[in-house]
């Protein structure tokens, strides 16, 4: 295809996709009316309870950048900072009163979600509405929660975005959702809606955004306020900076110290670049279509693992009905803590990935070897010492010596390897006896010690794989590694 043909093909696909993902105006008005009625009821209940607060439509609904497939909408309960300690009390009182309220003769169904960011999930007329909690903050003021800045984010997008750009946001959101790099849950990682909006504000259109993404490299910095895009030289980053390394840095225009892309992983960053390049070379509507795949049998997956030559370990804790947000946060803490211990004890980690399934949350780990390869430097006697000959006879043909004896600064020196515990034994011991060394909070340490299971590829893992479909899906994707979107690519003749 010529460049002109590719552009025309992309434009045709974008038009077809927009016909599907755009929200019909009639439905938008129905939702707006429903949210308006609900806001009024919540405000009346708050006043009756003696609280001073306000409720606002927020999120992609108020910005008109939500997809027709989106199944929930957001209201934001904005409290005074002095009421921070009363959040649970206020939500509990609201929940009791709202349960008695009706909209169009139907009772409101309510579920309270607990955790670091408690909120109410309401089911009204078949529509799901999240009532999140934020606090009054001024521009530049330190927020109390991630929801505090949402009103300012909304105002920024509404003020700076042209009407025609909203469709471009829809296309980008659908694209990142389809290729599996969109942040679908609170606490999870990935590209969020606000980040997609900022990228369109910076690039202008979906196609220009895709062209820009194709040129990204770690670490790309996109600064809307300065209207600049640059690549920071990773080689010049200090080790301290690398501890908070982000492959993509998009300073929040309202608070430049915050990176809007902080929740984007390296894998998600590179996956988006790869998908963008592939789409530009071969535009196809499959990049906007939901993907379905068949999970293989446990036996087939075991054969794939054996052929890979990797050692696979799973650290899992039973959810016991914990909220996804809580599970994602704990899984990320587990990942950071256990990766550090494996590294400090010289296990060769290939990669790891957090997961949250219906029954479990935790960490998938792939290692190059079941045992650590530890190279130790041992200094011997000075070359003129009486002990010199004894040292040479002892280590010249020693099976564990990998280098030497050689002379360094007037001394005999050797490097030798020392075999450690198998990784399974190491992790079992770490979980059961040495949890105190993990860099996690005390509550999670107790949970790890009492509830964490260390799985290897055996019959016990088979039972989990067969009983928890979402675990099986996550585990399969970890082993397969292949981005799902490439499964829909049309076969072409390779020249």
Protein backbone atom coordinates (compact mmCIF):
# COMPACT_ATOMS: atom_id res chain seq x y z
CA UNK A 1 0.00 0.00 0.00
CA UNK A 2 1.13 3.53 -0.74
CA UNK A 3 1.21 6.11 2.03
CA UNK A 4 -1.96 7.69 0.63
CA UNK A 5 -3.74 4.31 0.59
CA UNK A 6 -2.72 3.64 4.20
CA UNK A 7 -4.08 7.02 5.29
CA UNK A 8 -7.37 6.41 3.45
CA UNK A 9 -7.68 2.92 4.93
CA UNK A 10 -7.07 4.27 8.43
CA UNK A 11 -9.63 7.07 7.92
CA UNK A 12 -12.23 4.56 6.72
CA UNK A 13 -11.64 2.33 9.76
CA UNK A 14 -11.83 5.29 12.16
CA UNK A 15 -15.19 6.31 10.69
CA UNK A 16 -16.61 2.79 11.08
CA UNK A 17 -15.31 2.50 14.64
CA UNK A 18 -16.78 5.85 15.69
CA UNK A 19 -20.21 4.72 14.53
CA UNK A 20 -19.98 1.92 17.10
CA UNK A 21 -18.21 3.53 20.06
CA UNK A 22 -19.86 6.97 20.03
CA UNK A 23 -22.58 7.44 22.62
CA UNK A 24 -25.97 8.35 21.17
CA UNK A 25 -27.15 11.80 22.31
CA UNK A 26 -30.47 10.39 23.55
CA UNK A 27 -28.68 7.97 25.86
CA UNK A 28 -26.37 10.71 27.10
CA UNK A 29 -29.40 12.80 28.07
CA UNK A 30 -30.97 9.84 29.87
CA UNK A 31 -27.81 9.33 31.92
CA UNK A 32 -27.51 13.06 32.62
CA UNK A 33 -31.09 13.15 33.91
CA UNK A 34 -30.49 10.06 36.07
CA UNK A 35 -27.31 11.53 37.57
CA UNK A 36 -29.10 14.82 38.22
CA UNK A 37 -31.89 13.07 40.18
CA UNK A 38 -29.36 11.01 42.12
CA UNK A 39 -27.24 14.08 42.95
CA UNK A 40 -30.30 15.84 44.35
CA UNK A 41 -31.18 12.85 46.54
CA UNK A 42 -27.63 12.55 47.87
CA UNK A 43 -27.47 16.27 48.67
CA UNK A 44 -30.80 16.10 50.54
CA UNK A 45 -29.56 13.11 52.54
CA UNK A 46 -26.25 14.85 53.34
CA UNK A 47 -28.07 17.95 54.56
CA UNK A 48 -30.38 15.81 56.69
CA UNK A 49 -27.31 14.14 58.21
CA UNK A 50 -25.76 17.54 58.99
CA UNK A 51 -22.81 17.42 56.60
CA UNK A 52 -21.62 20.28 54.41
CA UNK A 53 -20.54 18.90 51.03
CA UNK A 54 -21.33 18.97 47.34
CA UNK A 55 -21.83 16.33 44.66
CA UNK A 56 -20.65 16.72 41.05
CA UNK A 57 -20.78 14.76 37.79
CA UNK A 58 -17.19 13.84 37.01
CA UNK A 59 -14.99 11.60 34.93
CA UNK A 60 -15.33 10.93 31.23
CA UNK A 61 -19.09 11.57 31.32
CA UNK A 62 -18.77 15.26 32.07
CA UNK A 63 -15.89 15.54 29.56
CA UNK A 64 -17.95 13.64 26.94
CA UNK A 65 -15.07 11.24 26.31
CA UNK A 66 -16.71 7.97 27.38
CA UNK A 67 -17.30 4.97 25.14
CA UNK A 68 -20.69 3.47 24.41
CA UNK A 69 -19.45 0.22 26.00
CA UNK A 70 -18.52 1.90 29.31
CA UNK A 71 -20.68 0.33 31.99
CA UNK A 72 -20.35 2.81 34.86
CA UNK A 73 -20.46 6.56 35.52
CA UNK A 74 -18.93 8.69 38.24
CA UNK A 75 -20.24 11.10 40.84
CA UNK A 76 -17.84 12.82 43.18
CA UNK A 77 -18.73 13.62 46.76
CA UNK A 78 -16.51 16.57 47.73
CA UNK A 79 -15.99 16.99 51.48
CA UNK A 80 -14.10 19.46 53.61
CA UNK A 81 -10.59 18.31 54.56
CA UNK A 82 -11.67 18.38 58.20
CA UNK A 83 -14.09 15.53 57.43
CA UNK A 84 -11.36 13.16 56.23
CA UNK A 85 -11.61 10.99 59.35
CA UNK A 86 -15.37 10.69 58.89
CA UNK A 87 -15.41 9.26 55.35
CA UNK A 88 -16.54 5.77 56.38
CA UNK A 89 -19.08 7.23 58.80
CA UNK A 90 -20.53 9.50 56.09
CA UNK A 91 -20.67 6.71 53.47
CA UNK A 92 -22.31 4.30 55.92
CA UNK A 93 -24.95 6.88 56.86
CA UNK A 94 -25.56 7.72 53.19
CA UNK A 95 -25.84 4.03 52.32
CA UNK A 96 -28.59 3.49 54.91
CA UNK A 97 -30.63 6.45 53.68
CA UNK A 98 -30.16 5.77 49.96
CA UNK A 99 -31.31 2.18 50.37
CA UNK A 100 -34.75 3.57 51.22
CA UNK A 101 -34.82 5.91 48.22
CA UNK A 102 -36.53 5.10 44.92
CA UNK A 103 -35.97 6.33 41.40
CA UNK A 104 -38.89 5.68 39.06
CA UNK A 105 -40.38 3.35 41.68
CA UNK A 106 -37.22 1.19 41.83
CA UNK A 107 -35.11 0.92 44.96
CA UNK A 108 -31.44 1.89 44.69
CA UNK A 109 -29.09 -1.08 45.07
CA UNK A 110 -25.88 -0.17 46.92
CA UNK A 111 -22.53 -1.84 47.57
CA UNK A 112 -19.88 -0.21 49.72
CA UNK A 113 -16.31 -0.71 48.50
CA UNK A 114 -13.78 -0.42 51.32
CA UNK A 115 -10.04 0.06 51.23
CA UNK A 116 -7.69 2.99 50.93
CA UNK A 117 -10.23 4.82 48.76
CA UNK A 118 -13.70 3.80 49.98
CA UNK A 119 -16.67 4.52 47.73
CA UNK A 120 -20.25 3.47 47.02
CA UNK A 121 -21.33 1.56 43.91
CA UNK A 122 -24.98 2.24 43.08
CA UNK A 123 -27.17 0.32 40.68
CA UNK A 124 -29.92 2.63 39.47
CA UNK A 125 -32.28 1.63 36.67
CA UNK A 126 -29.67 -0.87 35.48
CA UNK A 127 -26.95 1.79 35.33
CA UNK A 128 -23.88 1.52 37.56
CA UNK A 129 -22.79 4.74 39.27
CA UNK A 130 -19.67 5.13 41.42
CA UNK A 131 -19.88 7.66 44.24
CA UNK A 132 -16.23 8.50 44.89
CA UNK A 133 -14.99 10.78 47.69
CA UNK A 134 -12.69 13.76 47.29
CA UNK A 135 -11.76 16.81 49.32
CA UNK A 136 -11.68 20.55 48.73
CA UNK A 137 -8.24 21.50 47.36
CA UNK A 138 -6.90 24.56 45.59
CA UNK A 139 -4.52 24.48 42.58
CA UNK A 140 -1.00 23.67 43.78
CA UNK A 141 -2.27 22.35 47.11
CA UNK A 142 -1.28 18.81 48.15
CA UNK A 143 -4.25 16.46 47.45
CA UNK A 144 -5.60 14.08 50.08
CA UNK A 145 -6.67 11.44 47.53
CA UNK A 146 -6.39 10.76 43.79
CA UNK A 147 -9.96 12.03 43.36
CA UNK A 148 -9.23 15.54 44.69
CA UNK A 149 -7.82 16.78 41.39
CA UNK A 150 -10.52 15.27 39.17
CA UNK A 151 -12.68 18.47 39.07
CA UNK A 152 -9.64 20.48 38.00
CA UNK A 153 -8.70 17.83 35.44
CA UNK A 154 -12.22 17.95 34.03
CA UNK A 155 -12.15 21.73 33.83
CA UNK A 156 -8.76 21.65 32.09
CA UNK A 157 -9.95 19.16 29.46
CA UNK A 158 -13.28 20.93 28.91
CA UNK A 159 -11.52 24.29 28.54
CA UNK A 160 -8.73 23.15 26.22
CA UNK A 161 -10.36 20.45 24.10
CA UNK A 162 -12.24 21.27 20.92
CA UNK A 163 -15.48 19.43 20.22
CA UNK A 164 -14.02 17.53 17.26
CA UNK A 165 -11.13 16.26 19.39
CA UNK A 166 -13.47 14.27 21.64
CA UNK A 167 -13.94 11.65 18.92
CA UNK A 168 -10.15 11.38 18.67
CA UNK A 169 -10.03 10.58 22.40
CA UNK A 170 -12.65 7.85 21.89
CA UNK A 171 -10.54 6.25 19.16
CA UNK A 172 -7.39 6.32 21.29
CA UNK A 173 -9.17 4.94 24.37
CA UNK A 174 -10.70 2.11 22.35
CA UNK A 175 -7.31 1.36 20.77
CA UNK A 176 -5.46 1.08 24.11
CA UNK A 177 -8.34 -0.96 25.58
CA UNK A 178 -8.28 -3.45 22.71
CA UNK A 179 -4.54 -4.05 22.90
CA UNK A 180 -4.81 -4.56 26.67
CA UNK A 181 -2.89 -1.61 28.13
CA UNK A 182 -5.82 0.39 29.53
CA UNK A 183 -6.19 0.71 33.31
CA UNK A 184 -9.58 -0.90 33.87
CA UNK A 185 -9.66 -0.94 37.69
CA UNK A 186 -8.67 1.37 40.53
CA UNK A 187 -5.26 0.30 41.78
CA UNK A 188 -4.30 -1.46 38.54
CA UNK A 189 -1.65 -0.21 36.12
CA UNK A 190 -2.00 1.13 32.59
CA UNK A 191 -3.08 4.12 30.50
CA UNK A 192 -6.07 5.91 32.05
CA UNK A 193 -8.70 8.15 30.48
CA UNK A 194 -7.10 11.43 31.56
CA UNK A 195 -3.77 10.38 30.03
CA UNK A 196 -5.50 9.54 26.73
CA UNK A 197 -7.16 12.98 26.79
CA UNK A 198 -3.83 14.73 27.38
CA UNK A 199 -2.19 12.80 24.54
CA UNK A 200 -4.91 13.97 22.15
CA UNK A 201 -4.59 17.54 23.44
CA UNK A 202 -0.87 17.30 22.67
CA UNK A 203 -0.95 15.53 19.30
CA UNK A 204 -4.32 16.78 17.99
CA UNK A 205 -5.80 13.66 16.39
CA UNK A 206 -5.82 9.89 16.87
CA UNK A 207 -3.68 9.33 13.81
CA UNK A 208 -1.12 11.98 14.84
CA UNK A 209 -1.04 10.42 18.31
CA UNK A 210 -0.34 6.99 16.80
CA UNK A 211 2.41 8.48 14.63
CA UNK A 212 3.91 10.17 17.70
CA UNK A 213 3.71 6.97 19.77
CA UNK A 214 5.63 5.10 17.06
CA UNK A 215 8.62 7.36 17.77
CA UNK A 216 8.59 6.95 21.55
CA UNK A 217 11.64 5.59 23.34
CA UNK A 218 12.27 5.07 27.05
CA UNK A 219 12.13 7.65 28.61
CA UNK A 220 9.79 9.90 26.67
CA UNK A 221 8.70 13.18 28.25
CA UNK A 222 5.60 14.95 26.93
CA UNK A 223 5.12 18.39 28.45
CA UNK A 224 1.82 20.01 27.45
CA UNK A 225 2.53 23.32 29.18
CA UNK A 226 5.78 23.78 27.27
CA UNK A 227 4.39 22.04 24.17
CA UNK A 228 7.52 19.89 23.98
CA UNK A 229 8.32 16.23 23.45
CA UNK A 230 11.78 14.91 24.22
CA UNK A 231 13.66 11.77 25.14
CA UNK A 232 15.65 11.78 28.36
CA UNK A 233 19.00 10.00 28.12
CA UNK A 234 18.52 6.88 30.24
CA UNK A 235 22.29 6.34 30.42
CA UNK A 236 22.62 9.59 32.36
CA UNK A 237 19.99 8.71 34.96
CA UNK A 238 21.36 8.13 38.43
CA UNK A 239 20.59 4.92 40.33
CA UNK A 240 18.36 6.93 42.66
CA UNK A 241 16.32 8.22 39.72
CA UNK A 242 16.03 4.73 38.27
CA UNK A 243 14.28 3.55 41.44
CA UNK A 244 11.37 5.70 40.28
CA UNK A 245 11.93 5.03 36.60
CA UNK A 246 8.97 5.72 34.33
CA UNK A 247 9.17 4.82 30.63
CA UNK A 248 6.72 7.66 29.90
CA UNK A 249 6.60 10.96 31.76
CA UNK A 250 3.63 13.27 31.21
CA UNK A 251 3.65 16.09 33.80
CA UNK A 252 0.16 17.01 34.94
CA UNK A 253 -0.48 20.51 33.51
CA UNK A 254 -2.11 21.43 36.83
CA UNK A 255 0.60 19.94 39.03
CA UNK A 256 3.85 19.36 37.08
CA UNK A 257 5.35 17.32 39.93
CA UNK A 258 2.83 14.55 39.20
CA UNK A 259 3.40 12.11 36.36
CA UNK A 260 0.02 11.26 34.80
CA UNK A 261 1.69 8.20 33.20
CA UNK A 262 3.17 6.89 36.47
CA UNK A 263 0.98 3.78 36.33
CA UNK A 264 2.17 2.72 32.88
CA UNK A 265 4.57 -0.24 33.00
CA UNK A 266 7.51 -0.80 30.65
CA UNK A 267 5.66 -3.73 29.04
CA UNK A 268 2.54 -1.64 28.46
CA UNK A 269 4.63 1.22 27.08
CA UNK A 270 6.44 -0.99 24.57
CA UNK A 271 3.24 -2.90 23.68
CA UNK A 272 1.54 0.36 22.69
CA UNK A 273 4.53 1.37 20.55
CA UNK A 274 4.50 -2.02 18.80
CA UNK A 275 0.73 -1.92 18.20
CA UNK A 276 0.90 1.67 16.90
CA UNK A 277 3.65 0.76 14.43
CA UNK A 278 1.75 -2.31 13.26
CA UNK A 279 -1.47 -0.33 12.80
CA UNK A 280 0.29 2.33 10.74
CA UNK A 281 1.84 -0.34 8.50
CA UNK A 282 -1.39 -2.30 8.16
CA UNK A 283 -4.56 -0.48 9.34
CA UNK A 284 -7.23 -2.97 10.39
CA UNK A 285 -10.49 -2.73 12.32
CA UNK A 286 -9.36 -5.63 14.54
CA UNK A 287 -7.35 -3.08 16.54
CA UNK A 288 -10.71 -1.80 17.83
CA UNK A 289 -12.56 -5.09 18.27
CA UNK A 290 -12.81 -7.12 21.47
CA UNK A 291 -10.56 -10.15 21.35
CA UNK A 292 -11.47 -13.64 22.46
CA UNK A 293 -9.08 -16.52 22.97
CA UNK A 294 -9.20 -20.12 24.09
CA UNK A 295 -7.34 -21.04 27.26
CA UNK A 296 -5.31 -24.23 26.72
CA UNK A 297 -5.50 -27.25 28.99
CA UNK A 298 -3.16 -27.34 31.97
CA UNK A 299 -1.21 -30.21 30.38
CA UNK A 300 -0.60 -28.20 27.18
CA UNK A 301 0.56 -25.20 29.20
CA UNK A 302 2.93 -27.38 31.26
CA UNK A 303 4.53 -28.64 28.04
CA UNK A 304 5.01 -25.05 26.88
CA UNK A 305 6.66 -24.17 30.20
CA UNK A 306 8.97 -27.21 30.00
CA UNK A 307 10.03 -26.26 26.47
CA UNK A 308 10.79 -22.69 27.58
CA UNK A 309 13.49 -23.86 30.00
CA UNK A 310 12.23 -21.41 32.63
CA UNK A 311 11.41 -21.98 36.29
CA UNK A 312 7.92 -20.75 37.14
CA UNK A 313 6.77 -19.85 40.66
CA UNK A 314 3.44 -18.36 41.74
CA UNK A 315 2.92 -16.46 44.99
CA UNK A 316 -0.80 -16.33 45.72
CA UNK A 317 -3.08 -15.16 48.53
CA UNK A 318 -6.79 -15.96 48.67
CA UNK A 319 -8.84 -12.79 48.11
CA UNK A 320 -11.60 -13.59 50.61
CA UNK A 321 -13.88 -11.06 48.88
CA UNK A 322 -11.34 -8.20 49.12
CA UNK A 323 -11.90 -5.32 46.70
CA UNK A 324 -9.88 -5.37 43.45
CA UNK A 325 -8.30 -2.03 44.38
CA UNK A 326 -6.94 -3.45 47.65
CA UNK A 327 -5.70 -6.59 45.90
CA UNK A 328 -3.85 -4.64 43.20
CA UNK A 329 -2.14 -2.46 45.79
CA UNK A 330 -1.06 -5.49 47.84
CA UNK A 331 0.06 -7.38 44.73
CA UNK A 332 2.30 -4.46 43.72
CA UNK A 333 3.80 -4.34 47.23
CA UNK A 334 4.42 -8.10 47.06
CA UNK A 335 6.11 -7.72 43.68
CA UNK A 336 8.50 -5.01 44.85
CA UNK A 337 9.38 -6.83 48.09
CA UNK A 338 9.94 -10.32 46.67
CA UNK A 339 11.81 -9.07 43.60
CA UNK A 340 14.22 -7.26 45.92
CA UNK A 341 14.83 -10.41 47.99
CA UNK A 342 15.37 -12.58 44.92
CA UNK A 343 17.81 -10.06 43.52
CA UNK A 344 19.67 -9.67 46.84
CA UNK A 345 20.09 -13.46 47.02
CA UNK A 346 21.40 -13.77 43.46
CA UNK A 347 18.47 -15.53 41.83
CA UNK A 348 18.31 -14.69 38.13
CA UNK A 349 14.86 -13.21 37.61
CA UNK A 350 13.67 -13.18 34.01
CA UNK A 351 10.40 -11.32 34.62
CA UNK A 352 7.42 -11.08 36.94
CA UNK A 353 3.83 -9.92 36.75
CA UNK A 354 1.14 -9.08 39.29
CA UNK A 355 -2.33 -10.56 38.92
CA UNK A 356 -5.78 -10.36 40.50
CA UNK A 357 -8.19 -13.20 39.72
CA UNK A 358 -11.62 -14.14 41.07
CA UNK A 359 -10.11 -16.13 43.97
CA UNK A 360 -6.47 -15.01 44.32
CA UNK A 361 -4.06 -12.13 43.98
CA UNK A 362 -0.29 -12.22 43.89
CA UNK A 363 2.69 -12.59 41.62
CA UNK A 364 3.81 -14.76 38.70
CA UNK A 365 7.60 -15.22 38.60
CA UNK A 366 9.80 -16.60 35.82
CA UNK A 367 13.46 -17.38 36.58
CA UNK A 368 16.37 -18.47 34.43
CA UNK A 369 17.47 -21.14 36.92
CA UNK A 370 16.03 -22.85 39.97
CA UNK A 371 19.20 -22.06 41.96
CA UNK A 372 21.17 -18.83 42.37
CA UNK A 373 24.51 -18.54 40.63
CA UNK A 374 26.64 -16.81 43.22
CA UNK A 375 30.10 -15.63 42.24
CA UNK A 376 32.19 -14.81 45.30
CA UNK A 377 35.58 -13.09 45.43
CA UNK A 378 37.99 -14.60 47.94
CA UNK A 379 41.30 -12.95 48.73
CA UNK A 380 44.17 -15.23 49.65
CA UNK A 381 47.62 -14.61 51.13
CA UNK A 382 50.20 -12.19 49.78
CA UNK A 383 52.27 -13.72 46.97
CA UNK A 384 55.39 -13.77 49.21
CA UNK A 385 53.60 -15.34 52.20
CA UNK A 386 54.40 -18.80 53.55
CA UNK A 387 50.68 -19.62 53.05
CA UNK A 388 50.92 -18.90 49.34
CA UNK A 389 51.79 -22.46 48.22
CA UNK A 390 49.04 -24.00 50.35
CA UNK A 391 46.47 -21.62 48.81
CA UNK A 392 47.62 -22.46 45.28
CA UNK A 393 47.46 -26.22 45.86
CA UNK A 394 44.01 -25.94 47.45
CA UNK A 395 42.35 -23.83 44.75
CA UNK A 396 44.22 -24.31 41.44
CA UNK A 397 42.01 -27.27 40.45
CA UNK A 398 39.04 -26.68 42.77
CA UNK A 399 35.76 -27.54 40.99
CA UNK A 400 33.95 -24.41 42.27
CA UNK A 401 36.66 -21.94 41.22
CA UNK A 402 35.63 -20.05 38.08
CA UNK A 403 38.58 -17.63 37.89
CA UNK A 404 42.09 -17.77 39.28
CA UNK A 405 44.11 -18.01 41.33
CA UNK A 406 45.31 -14.69 39.94
CA UNK A 407 47.32 -11.83 41.40
CA UNK A 408 45.58 -8.61 42.39
CA UNK A 409 47.35 -5.92 44.40
CA UNK A 410 50.11 -8.30 45.54
CA UNK A 411 47.65 -10.99 46.72
CA UNK A 412 46.34 -14.26 45.34
CA UNK A 413 42.63 -13.99 44.51
CA UNK A 414 40.00 -16.44 43.28
CA UNK A 415 36.34 -16.21 42.18
CA UNK A 416 34.19 -19.21 42.97
CA UNK A 417 30.53 -20.14 42.80
CA UNK A 418 28.37 -21.32 45.65
CA UNK A 419 25.13 -23.19 45.10
CA UNK A 420 22.23 -21.88 47.19
CA UNK A 421 18.73 -23.12 47.97
CA UNK A 422 16.32 -23.90 45.18
CA UNK A 423 14.08 -20.92 44.61
CA UNK A 424 11.04 -22.87 45.81
CA UNK A 425 12.73 -23.68 49.15
CA UNK A 426 13.99 -20.11 49.43
CA UNK A 427 10.51 -18.61 48.93
CA UNK A 428 8.82 -21.16 51.19
CA UNK A 429 11.32 -20.28 53.93
CA UNK A 430 10.92 -16.56 53.28
CA UNK A 431 7.13 -16.79 53.58
CA UNK A 432 7.02 -19.11 56.61
CA UNK A 433 9.97 -17.89 58.70
CA UNK A 434 11.63 -14.74 57.38
CA UNK A 435 8.67 -12.57 56.42
CA UNK A 436 10.07 -9.82 58.66
CA UNK A 437 12.79 -9.05 56.10
CA UNK A 438 10.24 -8.11 53.43
CA UNK A 439 9.78 -4.41 52.76
CA UNK A 440 5.99 -4.36 53.20
CA UNK A 441 3.70 -3.02 55.92
CA UNK A 442 3.18 -5.08 59.08
CA UNK A 443 -0.39 -6.08 58.15
CA UNK A 444 0.71 -7.49 54.81
CA UNK A 445 3.61 -9.33 56.49
CA UNK A 446 1.10 -11.15 58.69
CA UNK A 447 -1.11 -11.94 55.70
CA UNK A 448 1.87 -13.28 53.73
CA UNK A 449 3.03 -15.47 56.60
CA UNK A 450 -0.41 -16.87 57.39
CA UNK A 451 -2.09 -17.06 53.98
CA UNK A 452 0.41 -16.97 51.11
CA UNK A 453 0.82 -20.12 49.02
CA UNK A 454 3.93 -20.82 46.97
CA UNK A 455 2.96 -22.81 43.88
CA UNK A 456 5.21 -24.61 41.43
CA UNK A 457 4.05 -26.39 38.30
CA UNK A 458 2.42 -29.46 39.87
CA UNK A 459 -0.96 -30.99 40.75
CA UNK A 460 -1.78 -28.31 43.35
CA UNK A 461 -1.42 -25.61 40.72
CA UNK A 462 -3.49 -27.74 38.34
CA UNK A 463 -6.45 -27.59 40.75
CA UNK A 464 -6.24 -23.79 40.97
CA UNK A 465 -5.93 -23.52 37.18
CA UNK A 466 -9.05 -25.65 36.65
CA UNK A 467 -11.17 -24.00 39.36
CA UNK A 468 -10.44 -20.28 38.76
CA UNK A 469 -10.97 -19.26 35.12
CA UNK A 470 -9.58 -15.75 35.60
CA UNK A 471 -6.45 -17.18 37.24
CA UNK A 472 -6.05 -19.57 34.29
CA UNK A 473 -6.44 -16.67 31.86
CA UNK A 474 -3.85 -14.52 33.67
CA UNK A 475 -1.41 -17.43 34.01
CA UNK A 476 -1.77 -18.39 30.34
CA UNK A 477 -1.11 -14.80 29.22
CA UNK A 478 1.97 -14.65 31.47
CA UNK A 479 3.41 -17.84 29.95
CA UNK A 480 2.33 -17.10 26.37
CA UNK A 481 3.65 -13.51 26.49
CA UNK A 482 2.21 -12.87 23.03
CA UNK A 483 0.05 -9.71 22.87
CA UNK A 484 -3.46 -10.84 22.01
CA UNK A 485 -3.95 -8.19 19.33
CA UNK A 486 -1.42 -9.87 17.04
CA UNK A 487 -3.64 -12.97 16.90
CA UNK A 488 -6.08 -11.07 14.66
CA UNK A 489 -3.46 -9.95 12.16
CA UNK A 490 -4.24 -11.07 8.64
CA UNK A 491 -1.74 -13.44 7.10
CA UNK A 492 0.26 -11.86 4.32
CA UNK A 493 2.94 -13.18 2.06
CA UNK A 494 6.41 -12.49 3.44
CA UNK A 495 8.81 -11.19 0.82
